[in-house]
Amino acid sequence: MRELITAKDISIQTKIVANQISDDLKGDKTPVVMIGLLKGCFMFYADLIRNMQCDVECDFMRVKSYISKNTQCDIIVTKHLDTPITGKHVYIVDDIYDTGNTVNSVIEYLKVKNPASISIVTLVARDISPVPKQKSYHAFTIGDEWLIGYGMDDDRGLNRNLPSIWVV
């Protein structure tokens, strides 16, 4: 294992992303809902929300797409939204933007609820990931590496508590 992104760099970049989103929303009276995709987003989500400079509603979805490190499966929603999103700006917050399958499936799921807009916010995006069609914010761009730490787990469901991001 090797450390890829330090806790200090995560903190700095998370504040930058929070400020970008807050600046983009300045003067817009449309309600905002931040939807965290569990479980991987939880650390980034909490830090992002703490640094936002506007009012937001918070909700979570549990969406499963990986069986193991190298095996992606169909998307399964195991926790649905509790917050109505019709007419609101929706930000999908996730730990990583990889193939886009998870986020795109969530976007399709949410579109039928008629939000004002849908944007993507991720801690990291792979440099080989397809470009999202929605407005997106990424704190870091990485290569094609398997990551753990800062909310992301290994094959055993461990290492989410590491304060920095490591390559396995």
Protein backbone atom coordinates (compact mmCIF):
# COMPACT_ATOMS: atom_id res chain seq x y z
CA MET A 1 0.00 0.00 0.00
CA ARG A 2 1.10 3.54 -0.63
CA GLU A 3 -0.46 6.82 0.36
CA LEU A 4 -1.80 8.62 -2.70
CA ILE A 5 -3.62 11.64 -1.25
CA THR A 6 -2.89 13.07 2.20
CA ALA A 7 -5.54 14.12 4.71
CA LYS A 8 -4.35 17.73 4.38
CA ASP A 9 -4.77 17.69 0.58
CA ILE A 10 -8.23 16.13 0.95
CA SER A 11 -9.24 18.90 3.35
CA ILE A 12 -7.99 21.64 1.03
CA GLN A 13 -9.61 20.23 -2.11
CA THR A 14 -12.90 19.51 -0.33
CA LYS A 15 -13.10 23.16 0.73
CA ILE A 16 -12.36 24.24 -2.84
CA VAL A 17 -15.16 22.04 -4.24
CA ALA A 18 -17.59 23.26 -1.54
CA ASN A 19 -16.75 26.86 -2.45
CA GLN A 20 -17.21 26.18 -6.19
CA ILE A 21 -20.66 24.72 -5.61
CA SER A 22 -21.61 27.52 -3.20
CA ASP A 23 -20.44 30.14 -5.72
CA ASP A 24 -22.42 28.47 -8.51
CA LEU A 25 -25.56 28.61 -6.34
CA LYS A 26 -25.12 32.25 -5.23
CA GLY A 27 -28.34 34.19 -5.74
CA ASP A 28 -30.32 31.09 -6.76
CA LYS A 29 -33.32 30.63 -4.47
CA THR A 30 -33.96 27.05 -5.71
CA PRO A 31 -33.71 24.57 -2.80
CA VAL A 32 -30.66 22.29 -2.80
CA VAL A 33 -30.55 18.61 -1.85
CA MET A 34 -27.21 16.87 -1.35
CA ILE A 35 -27.61 13.10 -1.83
CA GLY A 36 -24.79 10.99 -0.48
CA LEU A 37 -24.28 7.54 -1.98
CA LEU A 38 -23.52 5.22 0.91
CA LYS A 39 -21.28 3.89 2.16
CA GLY A 40 -18.18 5.24 0.45
CA CYS A 41 -19.17 8.91 0.42
CA PHE A 42 -19.74 9.43 4.13
CA MET A 43 -16.44 11.12 5.06
CA PHE A 44 -16.27 13.31 1.95
CA TYR A 45 -20.00 14.11 2.21
CA ALA A 46 -19.73 15.28 5.83
CA ASP A 47 -16.68 17.45 5.13
CA LEU A 48 -18.22 18.85 1.94
CA ILE A 49 -21.50 19.80 3.64
CA ARG A 50 -19.65 21.40 6.57
CA ASN A 51 -17.84 23.67 4.12
CA MET A 52 -20.82 24.71 1.99
CA GLN A 53 -21.90 28.33 2.26
CA CYS A 54 -25.58 27.85 1.45
CA ASP A 55 -28.58 26.06 2.89
CA VAL A 56 -28.87 22.41 1.86
CA GLU A 57 -31.10 19.47 2.64
CA CYS A 58 -29.25 16.23 3.30
CA ASP A 59 -30.30 12.74 2.29
CA PHE A 60 -28.70 9.43 1.41
CA MET A 61 -29.14 6.53 -0.95
CA ARG A 62 -27.50 3.14 -0.65
CA VAL A 63 -26.54 1.92 -4.09
CA LYS A 64 -24.50 -1.22 -4.55
CA SER A 65 -22.52 -1.87 -7.71
CA TYR A 66 -19.36 -3.75 -6.70
CA ILE A 67 -19.30 -7.35 -5.52
CA SER A 68 -15.52 -7.30 -5.11
CA LYS A 69 -12.48 -5.25 -6.08
CA ASN A 70 -12.64 -6.22 -9.76
CA THR A 71 -16.24 -7.32 -10.23
CA GLN A 72 -18.98 -4.81 -10.93
CA CYS A 73 -22.60 -5.96 -10.86
CA ASP A 74 -25.97 -4.47 -11.78
CA ILE A 75 -27.00 -1.46 -9.71
CA ILE A 76 -29.12 -2.28 -6.68
CA VAL A 77 -30.81 0.49 -4.64
CA THR A 78 -31.08 -0.69 -1.04
CA LYS A 79 -31.92 2.68 0.58
CA HIS A 80 -34.20 5.11 -1.21
CA LEU A 81 -34.57 8.86 -0.68
CA ASP A 82 -36.71 10.25 2.13
CA THR A 83 -36.57 13.84 0.82
CA PRO A 84 -38.76 15.06 -2.06
CA ILE A 85 -36.54 16.48 -4.84
CA THR A 86 -39.09 17.85 -7.33
CA GLY A 87 -38.02 21.33 -8.46
CA LYS A 88 -34.81 21.26 -6.42
CA HIS A 89 -31.14 21.32 -7.40
CA VAL A 90 -29.81 17.83 -6.68
CA TYR A 91 -26.15 17.03 -6.09
CA ILE A 92 -25.17 13.35 -6.12
CA VAL A 93 -22.15 12.99 -3.82
CA ASP A 94 -20.00 9.88 -4.17
CA ASP A 95 -16.49 8.80 -3.29
CA ILE A 96 -15.35 7.93 -6.82
CA TYR A 97 -16.41 8.45 -10.41
CA ASP A 98 -15.19 5.35 -12.22
CA THR A 99 -17.14 3.82 -15.10
CA GLY A 100 -20.07 6.17 -14.55
CA ASN A 101 -22.46 3.20 -14.27
CA THR A 102 -23.49 3.87 -10.68
CA VAL A 103 -23.96 7.61 -11.07
CA ASN A 104 -25.75 7.27 -14.42
CA SER A 105 -28.15 4.72 -12.95
CA VAL A 106 -28.85 7.00 -9.99
CA ILE A 107 -29.41 9.94 -12.37
CA GLU A 108 -31.98 7.92 -14.35
CA TYR A 109 -33.66 6.90 -11.09
CA LEU A 110 -33.83 10.55 -9.93
CA LYS A 111 -34.88 12.14 -13.25
CA VAL A 112 -38.42 10.76 -12.95
CA LYS A 113 -38.80 12.81 -9.73
CA ASN A 114 -38.37 16.04 -11.80
CA PRO A 115 -35.56 17.87 -10.02
CA ALA A 116 -34.60 21.33 -11.29
CA SER A 117 -31.10 20.02 -12.03
CA ILE A 118 -28.78 17.13 -11.25
CA SER A 119 -25.04 17.53 -10.71
CA ILE A 120 -22.31 15.08 -9.72
CA VAL A 121 -19.80 15.67 -6.92
CA THR A 122 -17.05 13.13 -6.29
CA LEU A 123 -13.91 13.03 -4.24
CA VAL A 124 -11.96 11.35 -7.04
CA ALA A 125 -12.47 10.65 -10.73
CA ARG A 126 -10.38 8.31 -12.81
CA ASP A 127 -8.53 9.84 -15.74
CA ILE A 128 -9.99 7.05 -17.92
CA SER A 129 -13.60 7.66 -16.82
CA PRO A 130 -16.14 8.75 -19.43
CA VAL A 131 -16.98 12.46 -19.30
CA PRO A 132 -20.29 12.91 -17.45
CA LYS A 133 -23.18 14.58 -19.28
CA GLN A 134 -24.19 16.48 -16.14
CA LYS A 135 -22.31 19.30 -14.49
CA SER A 136 -19.70 17.69 -12.26
CA TYR A 137 -17.20 18.54 -9.57
CA HIS A 138 -14.20 16.37 -8.68
CA ALA A 139 -11.62 17.07 -5.99
CA PHE A 140 -8.95 14.81 -7.54
CA THR A 141 -8.21 12.96 -10.77
CA ILE A 142 -6.37 9.66 -10.44
CA GLY A 143 -5.15 6.81 -12.59
CA ASP A 144 -6.72 3.37 -12.78
CA GLU A 145 -5.91 2.29 -9.23
CA TRP A 146 -7.93 0.62 -6.46
CA LEU A 147 -8.27 2.98 -3.50
CA ILE A 148 -8.98 2.61 0.18
CA GLY A 149 -9.36 5.07 3.03
CA TYR A 150 -11.39 8.21 3.67
CA GLY A 151 -14.62 6.23 3.34
CA MET A 152 -13.51 3.72 0.70
CA ASP A 153 -13.13 0.11 1.78
CA ASP A 154 -11.19 -2.95 0.75
CA ASP A 155 -12.58 -6.40 -0.19
CA ARG A 156 -13.21 -7.14 3.48
CA GLY A 157 -15.14 -3.92 4.16
CA LEU A 158 -12.24 -2.46 6.14
CA ASN A 159 -10.01 0.64 6.01
CA ARG A 160 -12.82 3.19 5.55
CA ASN A 161 -11.52 4.97 8.67
CA LEU A 162 -8.12 5.89 7.23
CA PRO A 163 -7.82 9.71 7.15
CA SER A 164 -6.04 9.70 3.79
CA ILE A 165 -6.37 7.79 0.51
CA TRP A 166 -4.19 4.80 -0.23
CA VAL A 167 -3.55 2.69 -3.33
CA VAL A 168 -3.84 -1.04 -2.76
